[in-house]
């Protein structure tokens, strides 16, 4: 995970593979699901979407076997992100909605906020700007409620970008600038350079 965070993907994959071998020896299936998910994230980051999807599906299969709803939901979210990257908006929306339903069922507000925001992005990509704004606003409210500063910054930034989109009926450069400056300040506060 440290190598993944540092962007050293070859070492991240090497250690995830070692972890798979070690966990296979002790028969720890729960760790398999996490490791498969992490390998999927590495491949997603490397734009190797077929391998990313393969590992997310492997993680889901194990999470279903061990009954980990949260694991399934996180992997559904990642699959939605991959489909969003390749502009398969209907599949992205399907997976984000599946993840959202699970996060709502188990009461995971962080997951709810992230998937509401993701759904907002998909509606933006589909040029349904009012629905995009609705979902992003809902995501922002929940992120603020739980104190998830990175998620607040992300949604403020996305809302700012939407206000700055001339195709949006609510186009307003002053509101765009205000939201974006708040997002930047929050990112600086939490040290989120990306």
C-alpha atoms as a PDB file:
ATOM      1  CA  UNK A   1       0.000   0.000   0.000  1.00  0.00           C
ATOM      2  CA  UNK A   2       2.867   2.383   0.705  1.00  0.00           C
ATOM      3  CA  UNK A   3       4.376   1.684  -2.722  1.00  0.00           C
ATOM      4  CA  UNK A   4       0.930   2.235  -4.281  1.00  0.00           C
ATOM      5  CA  UNK A   5       0.613   5.562  -2.458  1.00  0.00           C
ATOM      6  CA  UNK A   6       4.126   6.568  -3.605  1.00  0.00           C
ATOM      7  CA  UNK A   7       3.338   5.655  -7.220  1.00  0.00           C
ATOM      8  CA  UNK A   8       5.858   2.789  -7.357  1.00  0.00           C
ATOM      9  CA  UNK A   9       3.433   0.423  -9.044  1.00  0.00           C
ATOM     10  CA  UNK A  10       5.837  -2.373  -9.941  1.00  0.00           C
ATOM     11  CA  UNK A  11       6.865  -2.754  -6.292  1.00  0.00           C
ATOM     12  CA  UNK A  12       3.248  -2.437  -5.170  1.00  0.00           C
ATOM     13  CA  UNK A  13       2.272  -5.320  -7.470  1.00  0.00           C
ATOM     14  CA  UNK A  14       5.273  -7.352  -6.319  1.00  0.00           C
ATOM     15  CA  UNK A  15       4.301  -7.042  -2.654  1.00  0.00           C
ATOM     16  CA  UNK A  16       0.609  -7.629  -3.314  1.00  0.00           C
ATOM     17  CA  UNK A  17       1.571 -10.863  -5.123  1.00  0.00           C
ATOM     18  CA  UNK A  18       3.723 -11.885  -2.120  1.00  0.00           C
ATOM     19  CA  UNK A  19       0.803 -11.135   0.171  1.00  0.00           C
ATOM     20  CA  UNK A  20      -1.444 -13.351  -1.966  1.00  0.00           C
ATOM     21  CA  UNK A  21       1.032 -16.215  -1.642  1.00  0.00           C
ATOM     22  CA  UNK A  22       1.345 -15.758   2.126  1.00  0.00           C
ATOM     23  CA  UNK A  23      -2.408 -15.534   2.627  1.00  0.00           C
ATOM     24  CA  UNK A  24      -2.972 -18.590   0.455  1.00  0.00           C
ATOM     25  CA  UNK A  25      -0.684 -20.579   2.755  1.00  0.00           C
ATOM     26  CA  UNK A  26      -2.721 -19.607   5.827  1.00  0.00           C
ATOM     27  CA  UNK A  27      -6.088 -19.764   4.041  1.00  0.00           C
ATOM     28  CA  UNK A  28      -7.144 -16.198   4.781  1.00  0.00           C
ATOM     29  CA  UNK A  29      -9.820 -15.455   2.151  1.00  0.00           C
ATOM     30  CA  UNK A  30     -10.790 -12.101   3.626  1.00  0.00           C
ATOM     31  CA  UNK A  31      -7.295 -10.773   2.916  1.00  0.00           C
ATOM     32  CA  UNK A  32      -7.509 -12.163  -0.629  1.00  0.00           C
ATOM     33  CA  UNK A  33     -10.473  -9.917  -1.317  1.00  0.00           C
ATOM     34  CA  UNK A  34      -8.619  -6.835  -0.065  1.00  0.00           C
ATOM     35  CA  UNK A  35      -5.453  -7.697  -1.991  1.00  0.00           C
ATOM     36  CA  UNK A  36      -7.356  -8.385  -5.227  1.00  0.00           C
ATOM     37  CA  UNK A  37      -9.081  -5.027  -4.803  1.00  0.00           C
ATOM     38  CA  UNK A  38      -5.744  -3.282  -4.268  1.00  0.00           C
ATOM     39  CA  UNK A  39      -4.242  -4.961  -7.329  1.00  0.00           C
ATOM     40  CA  UNK A  40      -7.277  -3.748  -9.273  1.00  0.00           C
ATOM     41  CA  UNK A  41      -6.565  -0.210  -8.050  1.00  0.00           C
ATOM     42  CA  UNK A  42      -2.962  -0.472  -9.275  1.00  0.00           C
ATOM     43  CA  UNK A  43      -4.131  -1.592 -12.714  1.00  0.00           C
ATOM     44  CA  UNK A  44      -6.805   1.130 -12.755  1.00  0.00           C
ATOM     45  CA  UNK A  45      -4.133   3.710 -11.983  1.00  0.00           C
ATOM     46  CA  UNK A  46      -1.974   2.312 -14.795  1.00  0.00           C
ATOM     47  CA  UNK A  47      -4.935   2.587 -17.229  1.00  0.00           C
ATOM     48  CA  UNK A  48      -4.933  -1.206 -17.674  1.00  0.00           C
ATOM     49  CA  UNK A  49      -8.703  -1.400 -17.395  1.00  0.00           C
ATOM     50  CA  UNK A  50      -9.215  -5.038 -18.464  1.00  0.00           C
ATOM     51  CA  UNK A  51      -6.886  -6.247 -15.687  1.00  0.00           C
ATOM     52  CA  UNK A  52      -8.420  -3.789 -13.210  1.00  0.00           C
ATOM     53  CA  UNK A  53     -11.909  -5.142 -13.919  1.00  0.00           C
ATOM     54  CA  UNK A  54     -10.638  -8.717 -13.661  1.00  0.00           C
ATOM     55  CA  UNK A  55      -9.213  -8.137 -10.179  1.00  0.00           C
ATOM     56  CA  UNK A  56     -12.225  -6.164  -8.958  1.00  0.00           C
ATOM     57  CA  UNK A  57     -14.445  -9.063 -10.056  1.00  0.00           C
ATOM     58  CA  UNK A  58     -12.182 -11.539  -8.238  1.00  0.00           C
ATOM     59  CA  UNK A  59     -12.478  -9.406  -5.102  1.00  0.00           C
ATOM     60  CA  UNK A  60     -16.265  -9.266  -5.437  1.00  0.00           C
ATOM     61  CA  UNK A  61     -16.497 -13.058  -5.778  1.00  0.00           C
ATOM     62  CA  UNK A  62     -14.595 -13.549  -2.527  1.00  0.00           C
ATOM     63  CA  UNK A  63     -16.489 -10.758  -0.758  1.00  0.00           C
ATOM     64  CA  UNK A  64     -19.757 -12.433  -1.754  1.00  0.00           C
ATOM     65  CA  UNK A  65     -18.463 -15.759  -0.455  1.00  0.00           C
ATOM     66  CA  UNK A  66     -17.465 -14.294   2.928  1.00  0.00           C
ATOM     67  CA  UNK A  67     -20.464 -11.962   3.134  1.00  0.00           C
ATOM     68  CA  UNK A  68     -18.613  -8.639   3.095  1.00  0.00           C
ATOM     69  CA  UNK A  69     -21.115  -6.054   1.851  1.00  0.00           C
ATOM     70  CA  UNK A  70     -18.672  -3.217   2.356  1.00  0.00           C
ATOM     71  CA  UNK A  71     -16.043  -5.016   0.255  1.00  0.00           C
ATOM     72  CA  UNK A  72     -18.574  -5.597  -2.518  1.00  0.00           C
ATOM     73  CA  UNK A  73     -19.632  -1.937  -2.435  1.00  0.00           C
ATOM     74  CA  UNK A  74     -16.047  -0.635  -2.622  1.00  0.00           C
ATOM     75  CA  UNK A  75     -15.333  -2.871  -5.598  1.00  0.00           C
ATOM     76  CA  UNK A  76     -18.589  -1.847  -7.309  1.00  0.00           C
ATOM     77  CA  UNK A  77     -17.435   1.765  -6.866  1.00  0.00           C
ATOM     78  CA  UNK A  78     -14.067   1.003  -8.466  1.00  0.00           C
ATOM     79  CA  UNK A  79     -15.732  -0.811 -11.363  1.00  0.00           C
ATOM     80  CA  UNK A  80     -17.971   2.218 -11.863  1.00  0.00           C
ATOM     81  CA  UNK A  81     -14.898   4.450 -11.961  1.00  0.00           C
ATOM     82  CA  UNK A  82     -13.288   2.252 -14.614  1.00  0.00           C
ATOM     83  CA  UNK A  83     -16.437   2.330 -16.759  1.00  0.00           C
ATOM     84  CA  UNK A  84     -16.564   6.096 -16.273  1.00  0.00           C
ATOM     85  CA  UNK A  85     -12.976   6.377 -17.522  1.00  0.00           C
ATOM     86  CA  UNK A  86     -13.851   4.508 -20.717  1.00  0.00           C
ATOM     87  CA  UNK A  87     -17.047   6.562 -21.182  1.00  0.00           C
ATOM     88  CA  UNK A  88     -19.390   3.591 -20.715  1.00  0.00           C
ATOM     89  CA  UNK A  89     -21.742   5.828 -18.775  1.00  0.00           C
ATOM     90  CA  UNK A  90     -24.642   3.404 -18.473  1.00  0.00           C
ATOM     91  CA  UNK A  91     -22.453   0.724 -16.891  1.00  0.00           C
ATOM     92  CA  UNK A  92     -20.712   3.278 -14.670  1.00  0.00           C
ATOM     93  CA  UNK A  93     -24.094   4.507 -13.458  1.00  0.00           C
ATOM     94  CA  UNK A  94     -25.254   0.922 -12.864  1.00  0.00           C
ATOM     95  CA  UNK A  95     -22.249   0.105 -10.661  1.00  0.00           C
ATOM     96  CA  UNK A  96     -22.338   3.406  -8.753  1.00  0.00           C
ATOM     97  CA  UNK A  97     -26.038   2.841  -8.029  1.00  0.00           C
ATOM     98  CA  UNK A  98     -25.355  -0.726  -6.847  1.00  0.00           C
ATOM     99  CA  UNK A  99     -22.597   0.537  -4.556  1.00  0.00           C
ATOM    100  CA  UNK A 100     -24.812   3.372  -3.297  1.00  0.00           C
ATOM    101  CA  UNK A 101     -27.609   0.933  -2.428  1.00  0.00           C
ATOM    102  CA  UNK A 102     -25.227  -1.212  -0.361  1.00  0.00           C
ATOM    103  CA  UNK A 103     -23.647   1.774   1.394  1.00  0.00           C
ATOM    104  CA  UNK A 104     -27.134   3.078   2.239  1.00  0.00           C
ATOM    105  CA  UNK A 105     -28.160  -0.356   3.549  1.00  0.00           C
ATOM    106  CA  UNK A 106     -25.139  -0.579   5.865  1.00  0.00           C
ATOM    107  CA  UNK A 107     -25.173   3.130   6.783  1.00  0.00           C
ATOM    108  CA  UNK A 108     -21.695   3.965   5.441  1.00  0.00           C
ATOM    109  CA  UNK A 109     -22.023   7.715   4.882  1.00  0.00           C
ATOM    110  CA  UNK A 110     -18.540   8.112   3.371  1.00  0.00           C
ATOM    111  CA  UNK A 111     -19.452   5.554   0.711  1.00  0.00           C
ATOM    112  CA  UNK A 112     -22.826   7.202   0.176  1.00  0.00           C
ATOM    113  CA  UNK A 113     -21.222  10.613  -0.357  1.00  0.00           C
ATOM    114  CA  UNK A 114     -18.581   9.278  -2.748  1.00  0.00           C
ATOM    115  CA  UNK A 115     -21.090   7.435  -4.886  1.00  0.00           C
ATOM    116  CA  UNK A 116     -23.546  10.330  -4.965  1.00  0.00           C
ATOM    117  CA  UNK A 117     -20.673  12.473  -6.250  1.00  0.00           C
ATOM    118  CA  UNK A 118     -19.685   9.800  -8.783  1.00  0.00           C
ATOM    119  CA  UNK A 119     -23.264   9.604 -10.044  1.00  0.00           C
ATOM    120  CA  UNK A 120     -23.248  13.386 -10.364  1.00  0.00           C
ATOM    121  CA  UNK A 121     -20.159  13.188 -12.569  1.00  0.00           C
ATOM    122  CA  UNK A 122     -21.844  10.612 -14.812  1.00  0.00           C
ATOM    123  CA  UNK A 123     -24.917  12.815 -15.213  1.00  0.00           C
ATOM    124  CA  UNK A 124     -22.580  15.694 -16.070  1.00  0.00           C
ATOM    125  CA  UNK A 125     -20.942  13.521 -18.740  1.00  0.00           C
ATOM    126  CA  UNK A 126     -24.429  12.760 -20.052  1.00  0.00           C
ATOM    127  CA  UNK A 127     -25.102  16.555 -20.187  1.00  0.00           C
ATOM    128  CA  UNK A 128     -27.865  16.307 -17.584  1.00  0.00           C
ATOM    129  CA  UNK A 129     -26.499  19.270 -15.635  1.00  0.00           C
ATOM    130  CA  UNK A 130     -29.440  19.804 -13.247  1.00  0.00           C
ATOM    131  CA  UNK A 131     -29.286  16.165 -12.121  1.00  0.00           C
ATOM    132  CA  UNK A 132     -25.494  16.365 -11.891  1.00  0.00           C
ATOM    133  CA  UNK A 133     -25.789  19.390  -9.596  1.00  0.00           C
ATOM    134  CA  UNK A 134     -28.448  17.660  -7.503  1.00  0.00           C
ATOM    135  CA  UNK A 135     -26.253  14.625  -6.849  1.00  0.00           C
ATOM    136  CA  UNK A 136     -23.121  16.697  -6.202  1.00  0.00           C
ATOM    137  CA  UNK A 137     -25.013  18.888  -3.718  1.00  0.00           C
ATOM    138  CA  UNK A 138     -26.319  15.804  -1.894  1.00  0.00           C
ATOM    139  CA  UNK A 139     -22.781  14.413  -1.766  1.00  0.00           C
ATOM    140  CA  UNK A 140     -21.464  17.725  -0.413  1.00  0.00           C
ATOM    141  CA  UNK A 141     -24.076  17.865   2.360  1.00  0.00           C
ATOM    142  CA  UNK A 142     -23.201  14.368   3.585  1.00  0.00           C
ATOM    143  CA  UNK A 143     -19.439  14.984   3.301  1.00  0.00           C
ATOM    144  CA  UNK A 144     -19.811  18.147   5.405  1.00  0.00           C
ATOM    145  CA  UNK A 145     -22.024  16.314   7.904  1.00  0.00           C
ATOM    146  CA  UNK A 146     -19.400  13.612   8.526  1.00  0.00           C
ATOM    147  CA  UNK A 147     -16.420  15.993   8.350  1.00  0.00           C
ATOM    148  CA  UNK A 148     -14.814  14.327   5.327  1.00  0.00           C
ATOM    149  CA  UNK A 149     -12.682  17.271   4.241  1.00  0.00           C
ATOM    150  CA  UNK A 150     -11.222  15.591   1.155  1.00  0.00           C
ATOM    151  CA  UNK A 151     -14.712  14.688  -0.041  1.00  0.00           C
ATOM    152  CA  UNK A 152     -15.987  18.189   0.739  1.00  0.00           C
ATOM    153  CA  UNK A 153     -13.128  19.677  -1.314  1.00  0.00           C
ATOM    154  CA  UNK A 154     -13.779  17.276  -4.195  1.00  0.00           C
ATOM    155  CA  UNK A 155     -17.471  18.088  -4.351  1.00  0.00           C
ATOM    156  CA  UNK A 156     -16.943  21.835  -3.932  1.00  0.00           C
ATOM    157  CA  UNK A 157     -14.470  21.683  -6.813  1.00  0.00           C
ATOM    158  CA  UNK A 158     -16.841  19.716  -9.026  1.00  0.00           C
ATOM    159  CA  UNK A 159     -19.734  22.053  -8.212  1.00  0.00           C
ATOM    160  CA  UNK A 160     -17.475  25.007  -9.020  1.00  0.00           C
ATOM    161  CA  UNK A 161     -16.551  23.468 -12.354  1.00  0.00           C
ATOM    162  CA  UNK A 162     -20.210  22.854 -13.129  1.00  0.00           C
ATOM    163  CA  UNK A 163     -21.104  26.481 -12.327  1.00  0.00           C
ATOM    164  CA  UNK A 164     -18.315  27.461 -14.734  1.00  0.00           C
ATOM    165  CA  UNK A 165     -19.723  25.328 -17.543  1.00  0.00           C
ATOM    166  CA  UNK A 166     -21.421  27.645 -20.054  1.00  0.00           C
ATOM    167  CA  UNK A 167     -23.828  24.834 -21.056  1.00  0.00           C
ATOM    168  CA  UNK A 168     -25.216  24.642 -17.502  1.00  0.00           C
ATOM    169  CA  UNK A 169     -28.462  26.571 -17.059  1.00  0.00           C
ATOM    170  CA  UNK A 170     -27.190  27.860 -13.704  1.00  0.00           C
ATOM    171  CA  UNK A 171     -23.910  29.111 -15.245  1.00  0.00           C
ATOM    172  CA  UNK A 172     -22.416  31.620 -12.819  1.00  0.00           C
ATOM    173  CA  UNK A 173     -18.718  32.477 -12.839  1.00  0.00           C
ATOM    174  CA  UNK A 174     -18.855  34.165  -9.430  1.00  0.00           C
ATOM    175  CA  UNK A 175     -20.315  31.007  -7.844  1.00  0.00           C
ATOM    176  CA  UNK A 176     -17.786  28.899  -9.770  1.00  0.00           C
ATOM    177  CA  UNK A 177     -14.860  30.938  -8.461  1.00  0.00           C
ATOM    178  CA  UNK A 178     -16.214  30.947  -4.899  1.00  0.00           C
ATOM    179  CA  UNK A 179     -16.596  27.137  -4.810  1.00  0.00           C
ATOM    180  CA  UNK A 180     -13.232  26.517  -6.457  1.00  0.00           C
ATOM    181  CA  UNK A 181     -11.390  28.864  -4.078  1.00  0.00           C
ATOM    182  CA  UNK A 182     -13.033  27.140  -1.089  1.00  0.00           C
ATOM    183  CA  UNK A 183     -11.989  23.761  -2.507  1.00  0.00           C
ATOM    184  CA  UNK A 184      -8.406  24.955  -3.002  1.00  0.00           C
ATOM    185  CA  UNK A 185      -8.233  26.372   0.536  1.00  0.00           C
ATOM    186  CA  UNK A 186      -9.533  23.115   1.972  1.00  0.00           C
ATOM    187  CA  UNK A 187      -7.037  21.082  -0.082  1.00  0.00           C
ATOM    188  CA  UNK A 188      -4.220  23.285   1.182  1.00  0.00           C
ATOM    189  CA  UNK A 189      -5.477  22.848   4.757  1.00  0.00           C
ATOM    190  CA  UNK A 190      -5.394  19.047   4.543  1.00  0.00           C
ATOM    191  CA  UNK A 191      -2.226  18.898   2.381  1.00  0.00           C
ATOM    192  CA  UNK A 192      -3.978  17.380  -0.649  1.00  0.00           C
ATOM    193  CA  UNK A 193      -1.697  18.573  -3.434  1.00  0.00           C
ATOM    194  CA  UNK A 194      -3.291  16.484  -6.169  1.00  0.00           C
END
